[in-house]
Amino acid sequence: MKPLCAILFIFIITSSKTNCVQPESDNKIVLVMHGGAGTIKKGIDPEREENYRKDFAKALKAGYKILHEGGSAIDAVETAVALLEDSPLFNAGKGSVFTSKGTHEMDAAIMDGKTLHAGAVCGVQTIKNPIHAARAVMDKTPHVLLCGDGAEEFANEQGLELVEPGYFYDEYRYQQWKKAKDKEGQKPEHSDDGGKAPANTMEEKHGTVGALALDQYGNLAAATSTGGMTNKRYGRVGDTPLIGCGTYADNSSCAVSCTGHGEYFIRTVAAHAVCDLMKYKNLPVKEAAEKVLAQINDLGGEGGLIALDRKGNFAMPFNTVAMIRGYVKKDGNVVVEIF
């Protein structure tokens, strides 16, 4: 009986090892990012374009490092977006555009595809990194979205870094704003352009940054941050902080981050629509993303989105002249594209 006992003992030990929790997709960690659709036009100064690429690649590398070292998708997207918020080149955080009153009002959101937990802030003016505030809302409150003064009070309570409004001043953004104000002054008071900006002025109007990640455990996450639209009025809030419109993540389908004319992404509930097409129509991520963007295009909206599924497949469609976008996979090779 001793040999039989030994065999059984070995079988039990072997079975126990087989049932240990292992990473689901160790060979498929992926980080996908965008830096805004329509924010750059052809003929841009080569030095400025190079700076865009440099700062964008830096964010991709930072997010990838977290994933490569076994970190979570949610940590990777938060870190990557925060770095773009720190750059004056992107319309988020430091580089946020001016409102009609000459101030800055920023929005951000983050979502965990494993738990469907989400957090967002909107209309904030003194939070250095709005994406950190969105993460705190998700982790530290029973709420999803905090707005304006309340969001800033909460951020202060959480020990997040607050700054004076002057921190967000950027001369390039200021000149964009002045041009927008001049054009507005040339229009009749009640003129209506249908809500659609001409293609050659898109770089003055829109811009958002976003990141999606798939970690080695098969979990997805999405994060998006924006300064909104140049010269916006009335406390306008776009799609970015609205879960399901500009930001969404669900392990059962995909993660999505949008950029562009937010009103159209709100009307179509764009981010969630991509997930629904995958979940209920069994469309691949590329086809689902393109289908949603086509609807936005048909309505007259401009922009783009990035989408990433749990198998590591992703899409980056846009209908503007350019969209800053990029990705990094398991091999660590960083790819950045603009046009």
Protein backbone atom coordinates (compact mmCIF):
# COMPACT_ATOMS: atom_id res chain seq x y z
CA MET A 1 0.00 0.00 0.00
CA LYS A 2 2.94 2.35 0.50
CA PRO A 3 3.61 2.80 -3.24
CA LEU A 4 -0.09 3.57 -3.80
CA CYS A 5 -0.09 6.15 -0.98
CA ALA A 6 2.97 7.77 -2.49
CA ILE A 7 1.28 7.96 -5.89
CA LEU A 8 -1.85 9.49 -4.36
CA PHE A 9 0.26 12.00 -2.44
CA ILE A 10 2.06 13.06 -5.62
CA PHE A 11 -1.27 13.35 -7.48
CA ILE A 12 -2.74 15.57 -4.77
CA ILE A 13 0.30 17.87 -4.76
CA THR A 14 0.32 18.09 -8.57
CA SER A 15 -3.42 18.84 -8.70
CA SER A 16 -3.02 21.50 -6.05
CA LYS A 17 -0.38 23.31 -8.15
CA THR A 18 -2.56 23.08 -11.25
CA ASN A 19 -5.43 24.84 -9.48
CA CYS A 20 -3.31 27.78 -8.32
CA VAL A 21 -4.48 31.17 -9.65
CA GLN A 22 -2.36 32.09 -12.64
CA PRO A 23 -2.42 35.20 -14.83
CA GLU A 24 -5.07 34.78 -17.54
CA SER A 25 -3.26 36.68 -20.28
CA ASP A 26 0.38 36.96 -19.32
CA ASN A 27 1.37 37.30 -22.97
CA LYS A 28 -1.22 39.96 -23.79
CA ILE A 29 -0.66 42.98 -21.58
CA VAL A 30 -1.58 46.04 -23.65
CA LEU A 31 -1.76 49.79 -23.12
CA VAL A 32 -3.56 51.97 -25.69
CA MET A 33 -3.73 55.76 -25.49
CA HIS A 34 -5.00 58.84 -27.30
CA GLY A 35 -4.08 62.49 -26.92
CA GLY A 36 -7.05 64.06 -28.67
CA ALA A 37 -8.66 63.94 -32.12
CA GLY A 38 -8.53 67.04 -34.28
CA THR A 39 -6.09 68.79 -31.97
CA ILE A 40 -3.30 68.83 -34.55
CA LYS A 41 -3.43 69.81 -38.21
CA LYS A 42 -1.01 68.96 -41.01
CA GLY A 43 1.86 71.39 -41.37
CA ILE A 44 2.42 71.65 -37.62
CA ASP A 45 5.84 72.93 -36.57
CA PRO A 46 8.19 69.89 -36.62
CA GLU A 47 9.64 70.73 -33.21
CA ARG A 48 6.18 70.91 -31.63
CA GLU A 49 5.21 67.62 -33.27
CA GLU A 50 8.34 65.99 -31.87
CA ASN A 51 7.48 67.28 -28.41
CA TYR A 52 4.00 65.76 -28.72
CA ARG A 53 5.52 62.42 -29.61
CA LYS A 54 8.09 62.60 -26.82
CA ASP A 55 5.61 63.37 -24.02
CA PHE A 56 3.13 60.84 -25.36
CA ALA A 57 5.75 58.09 -25.51
CA LYS A 58 6.81 58.93 -21.95
CA ALA A 59 3.25 58.29 -20.74
CA LEU A 60 3.02 55.03 -22.67
CA LYS A 61 6.28 53.81 -21.16
CA ALA A 62 5.17 54.68 -17.63
CA GLY A 63 1.90 52.79 -17.99
CA TYR A 64 3.64 49.84 -19.60
CA LYS A 65 6.16 49.64 -16.74
CA ILE A 66 3.31 49.11 -14.29
CA LEU A 67 1.75 46.38 -16.41
CA HIS A 68 5.08 44.69 -17.13
CA GLU A 69 5.87 44.52 -13.42
CA GLY A 70 2.56 42.84 -12.64
CA GLY A 71 0.57 45.94 -11.72
CA SER A 72 -3.11 46.49 -12.33
CA ALA A 73 -4.78 47.96 -15.38
CA ILE A 74 -6.43 50.64 -13.24
CA ASP A 75 -3.06 51.83 -11.88
CA ALA A 76 -1.56 51.84 -15.37
CA VAL A 77 -4.23 54.06 -16.93
CA GLU A 78 -4.26 56.48 -14.00
CA THR A 79 -0.49 56.90 -14.14
CA ALA A 80 -0.37 57.32 -17.92
CA VAL A 81 -3.15 59.92 -18.01
CA ALA A 82 -1.65 61.88 -15.10
CA LEU A 83 1.59 62.29 -17.07
CA LEU A 84 -0.31 63.77 -20.01
CA GLU A 85 -2.10 66.06 -17.57
CA ASP A 86 1.33 67.31 -16.49
CA SER A 87 2.27 68.26 -20.05
CA PRO A 88 1.16 71.67 -21.40
CA LEU A 89 0.83 70.13 -24.88
CA PHE A 90 -2.38 68.23 -24.17
CA ASN A 91 -5.82 69.61 -23.37
CA ALA A 92 -6.00 68.16 -19.87
CA GLY A 93 -4.55 69.34 -16.57
CA LYS A 94 -1.66 71.74 -17.20
CA GLY A 95 -2.56 72.23 -20.88
CA SER A 96 -6.29 72.79 -20.41
CA VAL A 97 -7.97 75.31 -22.71
CA PHE A 98 -9.57 78.56 -21.56
CA THR A 99 -13.30 78.99 -20.94
CA SER A 100 -15.19 82.08 -22.17
CA LYS A 101 -14.40 83.72 -18.81
CA GLY A 102 -10.68 83.09 -19.14
CA THR A 103 -10.66 80.31 -16.54
CA HIS A 104 -10.10 76.56 -16.71
CA GLU A 105 -12.72 73.88 -15.97
CA MET A 106 -11.54 70.29 -16.16
CA ASP A 107 -13.25 66.90 -16.24
CA ALA A 108 -11.91 63.37 -15.73
CA ALA A 109 -13.15 59.82 -15.27
CA ILE A 110 -11.79 56.36 -14.55
CA MET A 111 -13.39 52.91 -14.57
CA ASP A 112 -12.40 49.39 -13.50
CA GLY A 113 -13.62 46.73 -15.92
CA LYS A 114 -13.42 43.97 -13.33
CA THR A 115 -15.78 45.50 -10.77
CA LEU A 116 -17.56 48.19 -12.86
CA HIS A 117 -16.56 50.66 -10.17
CA ALA A 118 -16.07 54.16 -11.56
CA GLY A 119 -15.22 57.66 -10.43
CA ALA A 120 -15.35 61.08 -12.08
CA VAL A 121 -15.05 64.81 -11.46
CA CYS A 122 -16.23 67.73 -13.57
CA GLY A 123 -15.86 71.50 -13.61
CA VAL A 124 -12.81 71.49 -11.32
CA GLN A 125 -10.43 74.45 -11.40
CA THR A 126 -7.66 73.91 -8.84
CA ILE A 127 -6.96 70.15 -8.82
CA LYS A 128 -3.53 69.63 -10.40
CA ASN A 129 -4.37 66.14 -11.66
CA PRO A 130 -8.12 65.61 -12.10
CA ILE A 131 -7.58 61.91 -12.88
CA HIS A 132 -6.28 61.36 -9.34
CA ALA A 133 -9.44 62.99 -8.01
CA ALA A 134 -11.57 60.70 -10.18
CA ARG A 135 -9.71 57.68 -8.79
CA ALA A 136 -10.29 58.92 -5.24
CA VAL A 137 -14.01 59.30 -5.92
CA MET A 138 -14.08 55.68 -7.12
CA ASP A 139 -12.06 54.32 -4.20
CA LYS A 140 -13.09 56.53 -1.29
CA THR A 141 -16.79 57.34 -1.81
CA PRO A 142 -20.04 55.55 -2.64
CA HIS A 143 -20.53 58.04 -5.50
CA VAL A 144 -19.50 58.14 -9.15
CA LEU A 145 -19.41 61.85 -10.07
CA LEU A 146 -18.51 64.91 -8.00
CA CYS A 147 -18.72 68.40 -9.48
CA GLY A 148 -17.09 71.81 -9.04
CA ASP A 149 -16.52 73.12 -5.53
CA GLY A 150 -17.66 69.86 -3.95
CA ALA A 151 -15.12 67.87 -5.96
CA GLU A 152 -12.37 70.28 -4.95
CA GLU A 153 -13.34 70.13 -1.28
CA PHE A 154 -13.22 66.35 -1.47
CA ALA A 155 -9.84 66.41 -3.23
CA ASN A 156 -8.46 68.65 -0.49
CA GLU A 157 -9.75 66.27 2.19
CA GLN A 158 -8.00 63.41 0.41
CA GLY A 159 -4.69 65.26 0.39
CA LEU A 160 -4.54 65.62 -3.39
CA GLU A 161 -2.40 68.43 -4.76
CA LEU A 162 -4.27 71.69 -5.35
CA VAL A 163 -2.75 74.60 -7.27
CA GLU A 164 -3.44 78.24 -7.95
CA PRO A 165 -5.39 78.88 -11.18
CA GLY A 166 -2.30 80.46 -12.72
CA TYR A 167 -0.67 77.02 -12.84
CA PHE A 168 -2.87 76.17 -15.83
CA TYR A 169 -1.90 79.24 -17.87
CA ASP A 170 -0.20 78.44 -21.16
CA GLU A 171 0.60 81.10 -23.77
CA TYR A 172 -0.24 78.82 -26.71
CA ARG A 173 -3.66 78.05 -25.23
CA TYR A 174 -4.17 81.72 -24.44
CA GLN A 175 -3.59 82.69 -28.07
CA GLN A 176 -6.03 79.97 -29.17
CA TRP A 177 -8.59 81.44 -26.84
CA LYS A 178 -8.07 84.99 -28.13
CA LYS A 179 -8.60 83.79 -31.71
CA ALA A 180 -11.76 81.99 -30.67
CA LYS A 181 -13.04 85.12 -28.89
CA ASP A 182 -12.33 87.22 -31.99
CA LYS A 183 -14.24 84.81 -34.23
CA GLU A 184 -17.13 84.77 -31.79
CA GLY A 185 -17.24 88.56 -31.86
CA GLN A 186 -17.56 88.50 -35.64
CA LYS A 187 -20.76 86.40 -35.51
CA PRO A 188 -24.29 87.70 -34.94
CA GLU A 189 -25.22 87.38 -31.27
CA HIS A 190 -27.65 84.51 -31.88
CA SER A 191 -25.89 82.82 -34.79
CA ASP A 192 -26.00 79.04 -34.84
CA ASP A 193 -23.45 76.87 -36.61
CA GLY A 194 -25.35 73.70 -35.75
CA GLY A 195 -22.85 72.84 -33.03
CA LYS A 196 -20.25 71.66 -35.53
CA ALA A 197 -16.86 73.33 -35.74
CA PRO A 198 -15.29 73.67 -39.19
CA ALA A 199 -12.52 71.15 -39.75
CA ASN A 200 -9.82 73.83 -39.88
CA THR A 201 -10.68 75.09 -36.40
CA MET A 202 -10.89 71.74 -34.65
CA GLU A 203 -7.47 72.21 -33.05
CA GLU A 204 -8.90 75.25 -31.26
CA LYS A 205 -12.02 73.48 -30.03
CA HIS A 206 -11.41 70.00 -28.75
CA GLY A 207 -8.90 67.74 -27.10
CA THR A 208 -8.92 64.98 -24.56
CA VAL A 209 -6.44 62.41 -23.32
CA GLY A 210 -7.28 58.83 -22.53
CA ALA A 211 -5.77 55.44 -21.74
CA LEU A 212 -6.95 51.84 -21.79
CA ALA A 213 -5.11 48.88 -20.30
CA LEU A 214 -5.28 45.10 -20.20
CA ASP A 215 -3.26 43.62 -17.35
CA GLN A 216 -1.78 40.15 -16.99
CA TYR A 217 -4.82 38.99 -15.02
CA GLY A 218 -7.19 39.75 -17.90
CA ASN A 219 -8.66 42.90 -16.35
CA LEU A 220 -9.50 46.04 -18.33
CA ALA A 221 -9.55 49.69 -17.26
CA ALA A 222 -10.22 53.07 -18.86
CA ALA A 223 -9.31 56.64 -17.93
CA THR A 224 -10.04 59.95 -19.67
CA SER A 225 -9.23 63.58 -18.84
CA THR A 226 -9.97 66.89 -20.57
CA GLY A 227 -10.00 70.66 -20.34
CA GLY A 228 -13.11 70.70 -22.50
CA MET A 229 -13.79 73.07 -25.38
CA THR A 230 -11.99 76.35 -25.97
CA ASN A 231 -14.19 79.32 -25.04
CA LYS A 232 -16.93 77.10 -23.56
CA ARG A 233 -19.68 78.83 -21.57
CA TYR A 234 -22.30 78.17 -18.88
CA GLY A 235 -20.30 75.52 -17.01
CA ARG A 236 -20.51 73.21 -20.00
CA VAL A 237 -19.61 69.56 -19.33
CA GLY A 238 -18.81 67.14 -22.14
CA ASP A 239 -18.76 63.38 -22.45
CA THR A 240 -15.49 62.66 -20.61
CA PRO A 241 -16.82 62.39 -17.01
CA LEU A 242 -20.10 60.77 -18.04
CA ILE A 243 -19.69 57.04 -17.57
CA GLY A 244 -20.87 55.26 -20.70
CA CYS A 245 -20.47 58.32 -22.92
CA GLY A 246 -16.78 59.21 -23.01
CA THR A 247 -15.41 56.53 -20.70
CA TYR A 248 -16.32 52.91 -20.02
CA ALA A 249 -14.73 49.56 -19.13
CA ASP A 250 -16.25 46.11 -18.71
CA ASN A 251 -14.28 42.86 -18.70
CA SER A 252 -17.15 41.14 -20.50
CA SER A 253 -16.72 43.34 -23.57
CA CYS A 254 -14.10 46.09 -23.78
CA ALA A 255 -12.69 49.37 -22.47
CA VAL A 256 -13.31 52.64 -24.33
CA SER A 257 -12.09 56.25 -24.17
CA CYS A 258 -13.46 58.93 -26.50
CA THR A 259 -12.30 62.31 -27.79
CA GLY A 260 -13.91 64.98 -29.93
CA HIS A 261 -17.16 66.94 -29.97
CA GLY A 262 -18.54 65.62 -26.70
CA GLU A 263 -22.18 66.47 -27.31
CA TYR A 264 -22.34 63.84 -30.04
CA PHE A 265 -20.68 61.21 -27.88
CA ILE A 266 -23.22 61.96 -25.15
CA ARG A 267 -26.19 61.65 -27.52
CA THR A 268 -25.02 58.28 -28.77
CA VAL A 269 -23.75 57.03 -25.37
CA ALA A 270 -20.72 56.16 -27.48
CA ALA A 271 -18.43 54.29 -25.10
CA HIS A 272 -21.17 52.00 -23.85
CA ALA A 273 -22.51 51.53 -27.39
CA VAL A 274 -19.19 49.99 -28.45
CA CYS A 275 -19.39 47.54 -25.56
CA ASP A 276 -23.02 46.69 -26.36
CA LEU A 277 -22.23 45.91 -29.99
CA MET A 278 -19.54 43.51 -28.85
CA LYS A 279 -21.60 41.97 -26.08
CA TYR A 280 -24.96 41.56 -27.79
CA LYS A 281 -24.10 41.58 -31.50
CA ASN A 282 -20.83 39.65 -31.13
CA LEU A 283 -18.98 42.23 -33.23
CA PRO A 284 -15.18 42.36 -33.02
CA VAL A 285 -13.81 45.43 -31.28
CA LYS A 286 -12.64 47.11 -34.49
CA GLU A 287 -16.00 46.77 -36.22
CA ALA A 288 -17.91 47.89 -33.12
CA ALA A 289 -15.73 50.99 -32.68
CA GLU A 290 -15.99 51.97 -36.33
CA LYS A 291 -19.76 51.48 -36.34
CA VAL A 292 -20.25 53.84 -33.39
CA LEU A 293 -17.95 56.47 -34.87
CA ALA A 294 -19.81 56.20 -38.20
CA GLN A 295 -23.06 57.05 -36.40
CA ILE A 296 -21.41 60.09 -34.80
CA ASN A 297 -20.09 61.12 -38.20
CA ASP A 298 -23.55 60.80 -39.76
CA LEU A 299 -24.94 63.08 -37.05
CA GLY A 300 -22.32 65.70 -37.86
CA GLY A 301 -19.90 65.04 -35.01
CA GLU A 302 -16.13 64.89 -35.23
CA GLY A 303 -13.68 62.99 -33.10
CA GLY A 304 -12.35 59.55 -32.42
CA LEU A 305 -12.07 56.81 -29.84
CA ILE A 306 -9.89 53.96 -28.69
CA ALA A 307 -11.25 50.56 -27.69
CA LEU A 308 -9.52 47.49 -26.22
CA ASP A 309 -10.92 44.03 -25.62
CA ARG A 310 -9.90 41.35 -23.13
CA LYS A 311 -7.95 39.41 -25.75
CA GLY A 312 -5.69 42.37 -26.44
CA ASN A 313 -7.33 43.43 -29.69
CA PHE A 314 -7.83 47.16 -30.08
CA ALA A 315 -9.09 49.85 -32.46
CA MET A 316 -8.27 53.56 -32.82
CA PRO A 317 -10.69 55.06 -35.41
CA PHE A 318 -11.13 58.82 -35.98
CA ASN A 319 -12.79 61.04 -38.58
CA THR A 320 -10.63 64.15 -38.14
CA VAL A 321 -7.39 65.13 -39.87
CA ALA A 322 -5.39 63.64 -37.05
CA MET A 323 -5.60 61.89 -33.69
CA ILE A 324 -2.61 61.49 -31.43
CA ARG A 325 -2.64 57.81 -30.54
CA GLY A 326 -0.34 54.97 -29.64
CA TYR A 327 0.10 51.65 -27.96
CA VAL A 328 2.58 49.30 -26.32
CA LYS A 329 2.27 45.54 -26.02
CA LYS A 330 4.09 42.77 -24.15
CA ASP A 331 7.30 43.29 -26.13
CA GLY A 332 7.60 46.87 -24.86
CA ASN A 333 7.80 48.42 -28.33
CA VAL A 334 6.22 51.89 -28.14
CA VAL A 335 4.23 53.03 -31.17
CA VAL A 336 3.04 56.66 -31.54
CA GLU A 337 0.98 57.86 -34.51
CA ILE A 338 -0.63 61.21 -35.32
CA PHE A 339 -1.92 61.38 -38.91
